[in-house]
Amino acid sequence: MGYIKARKGNIIVYILLGVITFISLFPIIWMCIIAFKGTGESISGFNSLWINNPTLKNFKNVFEVIPILSSLYNSIFTTVMGTITTLFFCSLAGYGFAKYQFPGRDFLFYFIVATLLVPPEVGSIPLFIIMRRLHLINSLWSVIIPKAATAIGIFYMRQYIINIPTEVIESARIDGSSEFGIYLKIIVPMIKPALATWTLLTVIARWNDFFWPLIFLRSTVKHTLMVSISLLPVSDGLSTPWPVIMAGTTFAIIPVVVVYIFLQRFLKSGISAGAVKG
């Protein structure tokens, strides 16, 4: 009797999860369907869910209207370099806050955490002035540098590293390892799940970033993919071309989906470990 009741409970859970999954994925499915429809076909109502004459013309139009290859390169460069710098600086700072004793450590850490309450847009004007004085306006590095170390990244890494046994670090010091060598050869291998999880979250955030590239990147050839796609409705010869916009957006999400497939197995363990430790 108890087995039958548990089985019925599992079936209800699976049905609810299936419904939630469908609701979550429906906008993406609908976007992909519209991307393969002709401009004359309906894109609203239930008729939008059927493709009468599938076409790849929308993807061809995307390549013709915007410099998508240079935009793709810019997005890949800012995402890869932004992810590498964020992983390095956040893990290094997290290690410092977790394992080093220095005056004002706790105050500085909680001050950094408190900056999470400040909306990023508040710093847009000071950052723009700083980047202009560094002659980095219209440079891809202007998008990478401001987020090289983030408060949430430092907090996450510190929470993960804090429960690593200090005896391991002390043993390495006795063996003559340098401080940076301890970080590189001991800490980094022990926090691989956290690094993989933070890589996935950072790649998604960097790839989808729209606000900062729009502010700092002024010329078309420097635009990232998200900025270029946002300019599609006002491009030459097109009047709100929704199928073309959907084709460009479908093209833009492919790299993120591929990265997610490779790293998703680390996501659950990494987030839960980082959330409960500390």
C-alpha atoms as a PDB file:
ATOM      1  CA  MET A   1       0.000   0.000   0.000  1.00  0.00           C
ATOM      2  CA  GLY A   2       2.806   2.355   0.903  1.00  0.00           C
ATOM      3  CA  TYR A   3       4.627   1.464  -2.333  1.00  0.00           C
ATOM      4  CA  ILE A   4       1.533   2.279  -4.442  1.00  0.00           C
ATOM      5  CA  LYS A   5       1.089   5.620  -2.647  1.00  0.00           C
ATOM      6  CA  ALA A   6       4.747   6.508  -3.181  1.00  0.00           C
ATOM      7  CA  ARG A   7       4.495   5.565  -6.858  1.00  0.00           C
ATOM      8  CA  LYS A   8       1.423   7.779  -7.311  1.00  0.00           C
ATOM      9  CA  GLY A   9       3.317  10.617  -5.622  1.00  0.00           C
ATOM     10  CA  ASN A  10       6.226  10.163  -8.029  1.00  0.00           C
ATOM     11  CA  ILE A  11       3.898  10.228 -11.037  1.00  0.00           C
ATOM     12  CA  ILE A  12       2.350  13.521  -9.851  1.00  0.00           C
ATOM     13  CA  VAL A  13       5.839  14.989  -9.355  1.00  0.00           C
ATOM     14  CA  TYR A  14       6.918  13.888 -12.840  1.00  0.00           C
ATOM     15  CA  ILE A  15       3.781  15.398 -14.397  1.00  0.00           C
ATOM     16  CA  LEU A  16       4.365  18.720 -12.598  1.00  0.00           C
ATOM     17  CA  LEU A  17       8.030  18.733 -13.637  1.00  0.00           C
ATOM     18  CA  GLY A  18       7.004  17.990 -17.217  1.00  0.00           C
ATOM     19  CA  VAL A  19       4.535  20.889 -17.226  1.00  0.00           C
ATOM     20  CA  ILE A  20       7.092  23.281 -15.711  1.00  0.00           C
ATOM     21  CA  THR A  21       9.732  22.144 -18.220  1.00  0.00           C
ATOM     22  CA  PHE A  22       7.358  22.668 -21.146  1.00  0.00           C
ATOM     23  CA  ILE A  23       6.382  26.151 -19.913  1.00  0.00           C
ATOM     24  CA  SER A  24      10.077  27.048 -19.481  1.00  0.00           C
ATOM     25  CA  LEU A  25      11.110  25.760 -22.915  1.00  0.00           C
ATOM     26  CA  PHE A  26       8.066  26.940 -24.876  1.00  0.00           C
ATOM     27  CA  PRO A  27       9.444  30.466 -25.641  1.00  0.00           C
ATOM     28  CA  ILE A  28      12.636  28.902 -27.039  1.00  0.00           C
ATOM     29  CA  ILE A  29      10.695  26.336 -29.084  1.00  0.00           C
ATOM     30  CA  TRP A  30       8.383  29.057 -30.398  1.00  0.00           C
ATOM     31  CA  MET A  31      11.403  31.238 -31.289  1.00  0.00           C
ATOM     32  CA  CYS A  32      13.023  28.397 -33.268  1.00  0.00           C
ATOM     33  CA  ILE A  33       9.762  27.680 -35.124  1.00  0.00           C
ATOM     34  CA  ILE A  34       9.364  31.344 -36.140  1.00  0.00           C
ATOM     35  CA  ALA A  35      12.988  31.377 -37.360  1.00  0.00           C
ATOM     36  CA  PHE A  36      12.115  28.814 -40.041  1.00  0.00           C
ATOM     37  CA  LYS A  37       8.888  30.490 -41.201  1.00  0.00           C
ATOM     38  CA  GLY A  38       8.507  32.748 -44.211  1.00  0.00           C
ATOM     39  CA  THR A  39       7.739  36.426 -43.709  1.00  0.00           C
ATOM     40  CA  GLY A  40       4.209  35.915 -45.064  1.00  0.00           C
ATOM     41  CA  GLU A  41       3.272  33.238 -42.520  1.00  0.00           C
ATOM     42  CA  SER A  42       1.502  33.997 -39.265  1.00  0.00           C
ATOM     43  CA  ILE A  43       3.678  34.480 -36.179  1.00  0.00           C
ATOM     44  CA  SER A  44       0.815  34.865 -33.695  1.00  0.00           C
ATOM     45  CA  GLY A  45      -1.822  32.557 -32.297  1.00  0.00           C
ATOM     46  CA  PHE A  46      -1.897  28.800 -32.697  1.00  0.00           C
ATOM     47  CA  ASN A  47      -1.082  29.107 -36.416  1.00  0.00           C
ATOM     48  CA  SER A  48       2.433  30.210 -35.455  1.00  0.00           C
ATOM     49  CA  LEU A  49       3.148  26.692 -34.124  1.00  0.00           C
ATOM     50  CA  TRP A  50       2.942  25.162 -37.613  1.00  0.00           C
ATOM     51  CA  ILE A  51       5.469  25.611 -40.415  1.00  0.00           C
ATOM     52  CA  ASN A  52       3.886  25.285 -43.847  1.00  0.00           C
ATOM     53  CA  ASN A  53       6.939  26.192 -45.923  1.00  0.00           C
ATOM     54  CA  PRO A  54      10.141  25.884 -43.858  1.00  0.00           C
ATOM     55  CA  THR A  55      12.949  28.108 -45.100  1.00  0.00           C
ATOM     56  CA  LEU A  56      16.539  29.033 -44.223  1.00  0.00           C
ATOM     57  CA  LYS A  57      16.179  32.448 -45.870  1.00  0.00           C
ATOM     58  CA  ASN A  58      15.880  34.183 -42.499  1.00  0.00           C
ATOM     59  CA  PHE A  59      19.320  32.948 -41.448  1.00  0.00           C
ATOM     60  CA  LYS A  60      20.704  34.095 -44.821  1.00  0.00           C
ATOM     61  CA  ASN A  61      19.188  37.553 -44.222  1.00  0.00           C
ATOM     62  CA  VAL A  62      20.860  37.749 -40.814  1.00  0.00           C
ATOM     63  CA  PHE A  63      24.268  37.207 -42.436  1.00  0.00           C
ATOM     64  CA  GLU A  64      23.487  39.845 -45.079  1.00  0.00           C
ATOM     65  CA  VAL A  65      22.116  42.562 -42.787  1.00  0.00           C
ATOM     66  CA  ILE A  66      24.632  42.552 -39.928  1.00  0.00           C
ATOM     67  CA  PRO A  67      28.373  41.669 -39.797  1.00  0.00           C
ATOM     68  CA  ILE A  68      27.536  38.551 -37.868  1.00  0.00           C
ATOM     69  CA  LEU A  69      30.961  36.879 -38.166  1.00  0.00           C
ATOM     70  CA  SER A  70      32.789  39.840 -36.623  1.00  0.00           C
ATOM     71  CA  SER A  71      30.032  40.133 -34.009  1.00  0.00           C
ATOM     72  CA  LEU A  72      30.391  36.421 -33.275  1.00  0.00           C
ATOM     73  CA  TYR A  73      34.157  36.834 -32.854  1.00  0.00           C
ATOM     74  CA  ASN A  74      33.639  39.804 -30.517  1.00  0.00           C
ATOM     75  CA  SER A  75      31.168  37.839 -28.397  1.00  0.00           C
ATOM     76  CA  ILE A  76      33.469  34.809 -28.225  1.00  0.00           C
ATOM     77  CA  PHE A  77      36.492  36.966 -27.314  1.00  0.00           C
ATOM     78  CA  THR A  78      34.702  38.926 -24.569  1.00  0.00           C
ATOM     79  CA  THR A  79      33.082  35.761 -23.203  1.00  0.00           C
ATOM     80  CA  VAL A  80      36.274  33.658 -23.141  1.00  0.00           C
ATOM     81  CA  MET A  81      38.581  36.377 -21.795  1.00  0.00           C
ATOM     82  CA  GLY A  82      35.906  37.630 -19.395  1.00  0.00           C
ATOM     83  CA  THR A  83      35.346  34.133 -18.032  1.00  0.00           C
ATOM     84  CA  ILE A  84      39.078  33.433 -17.600  1.00  0.00           C
ATOM     85  CA  THR A  85      39.753  36.714 -15.797  1.00  0.00           C
ATOM     86  CA  THR A  86      36.663  36.346 -13.603  1.00  0.00           C
ATOM     87  CA  LEU A  87      37.583  32.792 -12.587  1.00  0.00           C
ATOM     88  CA  PHE A  88      41.158  33.808 -11.758  1.00  0.00           C
ATOM     89  CA  PHE A  89      40.469  36.984  -9.764  1.00  0.00           C
ATOM     90  CA  CYS A  90      37.349  35.700  -7.957  1.00  0.00           C
ATOM     91  CA  SER A  91      38.988  32.421  -6.893  1.00  0.00           C
ATOM     92  CA  LEU A  92      42.174  34.228  -5.841  1.00  0.00           C
ATOM     93  CA  ALA A  93      40.232  36.786  -3.790  1.00  0.00           C
ATOM     94  CA  GLY A  94      37.990  34.068  -2.365  1.00  0.00           C
ATOM     95  CA  TYR A  95      41.078  32.127  -1.290  1.00  0.00           C
ATOM     96  CA  GLY A  96      42.492  35.225   0.396  1.00  0.00           C
ATOM     97  CA  PHE A  97      39.289  35.956   2.324  1.00  0.00           C
ATOM     98  CA  ALA A  98      38.841  32.290   3.304  1.00  0.00           C
ATOM     99  CA  LYS A  99      42.351  31.351   4.433  1.00  0.00           C
ATOM    100  CA  TYR A 100      44.361  34.496   5.244  1.00  0.00           C
ATOM    101  CA  GLN A 101      44.186  36.514   8.450  1.00  0.00           C
ATOM    102  CA  PHE A 102      44.735  40.267   8.021  1.00  0.00           C
ATOM    103  CA  PRO A 103      43.373  43.411   9.713  1.00  0.00           C
ATOM    104  CA  GLY A 104      39.928  44.409   8.487  1.00  0.00           C
ATOM    105  CA  ARG A 105      39.392  41.153   6.587  1.00  0.00           C
ATOM    106  CA  ASP A 106      35.797  40.620   7.675  1.00  0.00           C
ATOM    107  CA  PHE A 107      34.881  44.310   7.251  1.00  0.00           C
ATOM    108  CA  LEU A 108      36.332  44.354   3.730  1.00  0.00           C
ATOM    109  CA  PHE A 109      34.584  41.114   2.799  1.00  0.00           C
ATOM    110  CA  TYR A 110      31.168  42.259   4.002  1.00  0.00           C
ATOM    111  CA  PHE A 111      31.729  45.652   2.345  1.00  0.00           C
ATOM    112  CA  ILE A 112      32.282  43.841  -0.958  1.00  0.00           C
ATOM    113  CA  VAL A 113      29.167  41.732  -0.379  1.00  0.00           C
ATOM    114  CA  ALA A 114      27.189  44.914   0.417  1.00  0.00           C
ATOM    115  CA  THR A 115      28.011  46.288  -3.049  1.00  0.00           C
ATOM    116  CA  LEU A 116      25.571  43.687  -4.391  1.00  0.00           C
ATOM    117  CA  LEU A 117      22.824  46.053  -3.207  1.00  0.00           C
ATOM    118  CA  VAL A 118      24.003  48.753  -5.622  1.00  0.00           C
ATOM    119  CA  PRO A 119      22.467  48.487  -9.123  1.00  0.00           C
ATOM    120  CA  PRO A 120      25.216  48.117 -11.774  1.00  0.00           C
ATOM    121  CA  GLU A 121      23.701  50.951 -13.822  1.00  0.00           C
ATOM    122  CA  VAL A 122      24.640  53.416 -11.054  1.00  0.00           C
ATOM    123  CA  GLY A 123      28.308  53.013 -11.950  1.00  0.00           C
ATOM    124  CA  SER A 124      27.866  53.387 -15.700  1.00  0.00           C
ATOM    125  CA  ILE A 125      28.886  57.073 -15.908  1.00  0.00           C
ATOM    126  CA  PRO A 126      32.002  56.798 -13.646  1.00  0.00           C
ATOM    127  CA  LEU A 127      33.035  53.650 -15.521  1.00  0.00           C
ATOM    128  CA  PHE A 128      32.584  55.364 -18.867  1.00  0.00           C
ATOM    129  CA  ILE A 129      34.804  58.251 -17.723  1.00  0.00           C
ATOM    130  CA  ILE A 130      37.464  55.810 -16.447  1.00  0.00           C
ATOM    131  CA  MET A 131      37.449  53.842 -19.704  1.00  0.00           C
ATOM    132  CA  ARG A 132      37.656  57.040 -21.754  1.00  0.00           C
ATOM    133  CA  ARG A 133      40.708  58.213 -19.779  1.00  0.00           C
ATOM    134  CA  LEU A 134      42.275  54.777 -20.316  1.00  0.00           C
ATOM    135  CA  HIS A 135      41.528  55.125 -24.066  1.00  0.00           C
ATOM    136  CA  LEU A 136      39.512  51.904 -23.984  1.00  0.00           C
ATOM    137  CA  ILE A 137      36.233  53.209 -25.439  1.00  0.00           C
ATOM    138  CA  ASN A 138      35.349  51.063 -28.458  1.00  0.00           C
ATOM    139  CA  SER A 139      37.760  48.397 -27.219  1.00  0.00           C
ATOM    140  CA  LEU A 140      36.567  44.918 -26.276  1.00  0.00           C
ATOM    141  CA  TRP A 141      38.620  45.179 -23.075  1.00  0.00           C
ATOM    142  CA  SER A 142      36.247  47.895 -21.837  1.00  0.00           C
ATOM    143  CA  VAL A 143      33.582  45.177 -21.579  1.00  0.00           C
ATOM    144  CA  ILE A 144      35.926  42.653 -19.932  1.00  0.00           C
ATOM    145  CA  ILE A 145      37.785  44.697 -17.300  1.00  0.00           C
ATOM    146  CA  PRO A 146      34.858  46.100 -15.213  1.00  0.00           C
ATOM    147  CA  LYS A 147      33.634  42.561 -14.460  1.00  0.00           C
ATOM    148  CA  ALA A 148      37.016  40.892 -14.023  1.00  0.00           C
ATOM    149  CA  ALA A 149      36.211  40.487 -10.315  1.00  0.00           C
ATOM    150  CA  THR A 150      32.611  40.490  -9.109  1.00  0.00           C
ATOM    151  CA  ALA A 151      31.256  40.577  -5.554  1.00  0.00           C
ATOM    152  CA  ILE A 152      29.020  37.554  -6.078  1.00  0.00           C
ATOM    153  CA  GLY A 153      31.945  35.595  -7.580  1.00  0.00           C
ATOM    154  CA  ILE A 154      34.233  36.398  -4.643  1.00  0.00           C
ATOM    155  CA  PHE A 155      31.471  35.463  -2.176  1.00  0.00           C
ATOM    156  CA  TYR A 156      30.775  32.170  -3.958  1.00  0.00           C
ATOM    157  CA  MET A 157      34.453  31.153  -4.124  1.00  0.00           C
ATOM    158  CA  ARG A 158      35.093  32.137  -0.498  1.00  0.00           C
ATOM    159  CA  GLN A 159      32.149  30.013   0.671  1.00  0.00           C
ATOM    160  CA  TYR A 160      33.523  27.042  -1.255  1.00  0.00           C
ATOM    161  CA  ILE A 161      37.175  27.394  -0.203  1.00  0.00           C
ATOM    162  CA  ILE A 162      36.546  28.113   3.494  1.00  0.00           C
ATOM    163  CA  ASN A 163      35.991  24.432   4.378  1.00  0.00           C
ATOM    164  CA  ILE A 164      39.156  23.173   2.704  1.00  0.00           C
ATOM    165  CA  PRO A 165      41.342  21.864   5.582  1.00  0.00           C
ATOM    166  CA  THR A 166      43.916  24.476   6.590  1.00  0.00           C
ATOM    167  CA  GLU A 167      46.305  21.624   7.470  1.00  0.00           C
ATOM    168  CA  VAL A 168      46.717  20.907   3.753  1.00  0.00           C
ATOM    169  CA  ILE A 169      47.891  24.478   3.163  1.00  0.00           C
ATOM    170  CA  GLU A 170      50.211  24.394   6.199  1.00  0.00           C
ATOM    171  CA  SER A 171      51.770  21.142   4.975  1.00  0.00           C
ATOM    172  CA  ALA A 172      52.472  22.711   1.591  1.00  0.00           C
ATOM    173  CA  ARG A 173      54.163  25.699   3.280  1.00  0.00           C
ATOM    174  CA  ILE A 174      56.356  23.338   5.344  1.00  0.00           C
ATOM    175  CA  ASP A 175      57.308  21.568   2.089  1.00  0.00           C
ATOM    176  CA  GLY A 176      58.514  24.925   0.745  1.00  0.00           C
ATOM    177  CA  SER A 177      55.707  25.769  -1.669  1.00  0.00           C
ATOM    178  CA  SER A 178      55.165  29.467  -2.417  1.00  0.00           C
ATOM    179  CA  GLU A 179      51.859  31.153  -1.596  1.00  0.00           C
ATOM    180  CA  PHE A 180      50.864  31.440  -5.250  1.00  0.00           C
ATOM    181  CA  GLY A 181      52.032  27.854  -5.789  1.00  0.00           C
ATOM    182  CA  ILE A 182      49.662  26.700  -3.032  1.00  0.00           C
ATOM    183  CA  TYR A 183      46.802  28.503  -4.752  1.00  0.00           C
ATOM    184  CA  LEU A 184      47.694  27.123  -8.180  1.00  0.00           C
ATOM    185  CA  LYS A 185      48.641  23.523  -7.288  1.00  0.00           C
ATOM    186  CA  ILE A 186      46.413  22.805  -4.278  1.00  0.00           C
ATOM    187  CA  ILE A 187      43.433  25.162  -4.101  1.00  0.00           C
ATOM    188  CA  VAL A 188      42.531  25.252  -7.794  1.00  0.00           C
ATOM    189  CA  PRO A 189      42.413  21.423  -8.212  1.00  0.00           C
ATOM    190  CA  MET A 190      40.277  21.118  -5.067  1.00  0.00           C
ATOM    191  CA  ILE A 191      37.655  23.630  -6.257  1.00  0.00           C
ATOM    192  CA  LYS A 192      37.167  22.288  -9.784  1.00  0.00           C
ATOM    193  CA  PRO A 193      33.377  21.759  -9.309  1.00  0.00           C
ATOM    194  CA  ALA A 194      33.013  25.376  -8.135  1.00  0.00           C
ATOM    195  CA  LEU A 195      35.116  26.637 -11.045  1.00  0.00           C
ATOM    196  CA  ALA A 196      33.061  24.611 -13.537  1.00  0.00           C
ATOM    197  CA  THR A 197      29.802  25.941 -12.110  1.00  0.00           C
ATOM    198  CA  TRP A 198      31.057  29.515 -12.093  1.00  0.00           C
ATOM    199  CA  THR A 199      32.331  29.056 -15.649  1.00  0.00           C
ATOM    200  CA  LEU A 200      28.857  28.109 -16.833  1.00  0.00           C
ATOM    201  CA  LEU A 201      27.154  30.992 -15.012  1.00  0.00           C
ATOM    202  CA  THR A 202      29.769  33.484 -16.230  1.00  0.00           C
ATOM    203  CA  VAL A 203      29.608  32.299 -19.839  1.00  0.00           C
ATOM    204  CA  ILE A 204      25.824  32.762 -19.859  1.00  0.00           C
ATOM    205  CA  ALA A 205      26.086  36.228 -18.268  1.00  0.00           C
ATOM    206  CA  ARG A 206      28.922  37.379 -20.546  1.00  0.00           C
ATOM    207  CA  TRP A 207      27.366  36.017 -23.716  1.00  0.00           C
ATOM    208  CA  ASN A 208      23.995  37.631 -23.013  1.00  0.00           C
ATOM    209  CA  ASP A 209      25.478  40.916 -21.798  1.00  0.00           C
ATOM    210  CA  PHE A 210      23.831  43.803 -23.648  1.00  0.00           C
ATOM    211  CA  PHE A 211      24.049  46.912 -21.468  1.00  0.00           C
ATOM    212  CA  TRP A 212      27.830  47.353 -21.182  1.00  0.00           C
ATOM    213  CA  PRO A 213      28.685  46.522 -24.834  1.00  0.00           C
ATOM    214  CA  LEU A 214      26.022  49.006 -25.928  1.00  0.00           C
ATOM    215  CA  ILE A 215      27.671  51.745 -23.841  1.00  0.00           C
ATOM    216  CA  PHE A 216      31.365  51.104 -24.516  1.00  0.00           C
ATOM    217  CA  LEU A 217      31.421  49.712 -28.086  1.00  0.00           C
ATOM    218  CA  ARG A 218      30.640  52.519 -30.514  1.00  0.00           C
ATOM    219  CA  SER A 219      31.326  51.115 -34.002  1.00  0.00           C
ATOM    220  CA  THR A 220      29.445  48.362 -35.834  1.00  0.00           C
ATOM    221  CA  VAL A 221      32.512  46.149 -36.292  1.00  0.00           C
ATOM    222  CA  LYS A 222      33.063  46.143 -32.519  1.00  0.00           C
ATOM    223  CA  HIS A 223      29.505  45.216 -31.595  1.00  0.00           C
ATOM    224  CA  THR A 224      28.879  41.920 -29.882  1.00  0.00           C
ATOM    225  CA  LEU A 225      26.272  39.523 -31.202  1.00  0.00           C
ATOM    226  CA  MET A 226      23.537  40.684 -28.819  1.00  0.00           C
ATOM    227  CA  VAL A 227      23.996  44.327 -29.764  1.00  0.00           C
ATOM    228  CA  SER A 228      24.049  43.535 -33.491  1.00  0.00           C
ATOM    229  CA  ILE A 229      20.855  41.479 -33.245  1.00  0.00           C
ATOM    230  CA  SER A 230      19.138  44.293 -31.355  1.00  0.00           C
ATOM    231  CA  LEU A 231      19.810  46.545 -34.369  1.00  0.00           C
ATOM    232  CA  LEU A 232      18.079  44.201 -36.822  1.00  0.00           C
ATOM    233  CA  PRO A 233      14.652  45.956 -36.721  1.00  0.00           C
ATOM    234  CA  VAL A 234      16.195  49.224 -37.881  1.00  0.00           C
ATOM    235  CA  SER A 235      18.532  47.750 -40.477  1.00  0.00           C
ATOM    236  CA  ASP A 236      18.243  48.682 -44.148  1.00  0.00           C
ATOM    237  CA  GLY A 237      15.253  47.339 -46.042  1.00  0.00           C
ATOM    238  CA  LEU A 238      13.571  45.615 -43.120  1.00  0.00           C
ATOM    239  CA  SER A 239      10.429  46.597 -41.229  1.00  0.00           C
ATOM    240  CA  THR A 240      10.221  44.697 -37.926  1.00  0.00           C
ATOM    241  CA  PRO A 241      11.330  41.395 -39.535  1.00  0.00           C
ATOM    242  CA  TRP A 242      10.376  39.082 -36.697  1.00  0.00           C
ATOM    243  CA  PRO A 243      11.372  35.824 -38.479  1.00  0.00           C
ATOM    244  CA  VAL A 244      14.821  37.317 -39.183  1.00  0.00           C
ATOM    245  CA  ILE A 245      15.145  38.528 -35.576  1.00  0.00           C
ATOM    246  CA  MET A 246      14.160  35.075 -34.325  1.00  0.00           C
ATOM    247  CA  ALA A 247      16.720  33.510 -36.688  1.00  0.00           C
ATOM    248  CA  GLY A 248      19.459  35.758 -35.298  1.00  0.00           C
ATOM    249  CA  THR A 249      18.421  35.021 -31.716  1.00  0.00           C
ATOM    250  CA  THR A 250      18.319  31.280 -32.436  1.00  0.00           C
ATOM    251  CA  PHE A 251      21.837  31.511 -33.869  1.00  0.00           C
ATOM    252  CA  ALA A 252      22.979  33.426 -30.757  1.00  0.00           C
ATOM    253  CA  ILE A 253      21.803  30.849 -28.212  1.00  0.00           C
ATOM    254  CA  ILE A 254      23.544  27.859 -29.847  1.00  0.00           C
ATOM    255  CA  PRO A 255      26.995  28.424 -28.207  1.00  0.00           C
ATOM    256  CA  VAL A 256      25.423  28.848 -24.751  1.00  0.00           C
ATOM    257  CA  VAL A 257      23.427  25.631 -25.150  1.00  0.00           C
ATOM    258  CA  VAL A 258      26.582  23.748 -26.190  1.00  0.00           C
ATOM    259  CA  VAL A 259      28.511  25.039 -23.153  1.00  0.00           C
ATOM    260  CA  TYR A 260      25.592  24.146 -20.880  1.00  0.00           C
ATOM    261  CA  ILE A 261      25.482  20.574 -22.209  1.00  0.00           C
ATOM    262  CA  PHE A 262      29.193  20.120 -21.443  1.00  0.00           C
ATOM    263  CA  LEU A 263      29.113  21.690 -17.952  1.00  0.00           C
ATOM    264  CA  GLN A 264      25.584  21.028 -16.651  1.00  0.00           C
ATOM    265  CA  ARG A 265      26.656  17.970 -14.637  1.00  0.00           C
ATOM    266  CA  PHE A 266      28.756  20.253 -12.423  1.00  0.00           C
ATOM    267  CA  LEU A 267      25.972  22.811 -11.936  1.00  0.00           C
ATOM    268  CA  LYS A 268      23.892  21.122  -9.226  1.00  0.00           C
ATOM    269  CA  SER A 269      26.785  19.864  -7.071  1.00  0.00           C
ATOM    270  CA  GLY A 270      28.740  23.105  -7.425  1.00  0.00           C
ATOM    271  CA  ILE A 271      25.884  25.441  -6.523  1.00  0.00           C
ATOM    272  CA  SER A 272      24.659  23.335  -3.582  1.00  0.00           C
ATOM    273  CA  ALA A 273      28.192  22.943  -2.170  1.00  0.00           C
ATOM    274  CA  GLY A 274      28.916  26.649  -2.461  1.00  0.00           C
ATOM    275  CA  ALA A 275      25.570  27.504  -0.879  1.00  0.00           C
ATOM    276  CA  VAL A 276      25.838  25.341   2.258  1.00  0.00           C
ATOM    277  CA  LYS A 277      29.522  25.680   3.121  1.00  0.00           C
ATOM    278  CA  GLY A 278      30.762  28.516   5.241  1.00  0.00           C
END
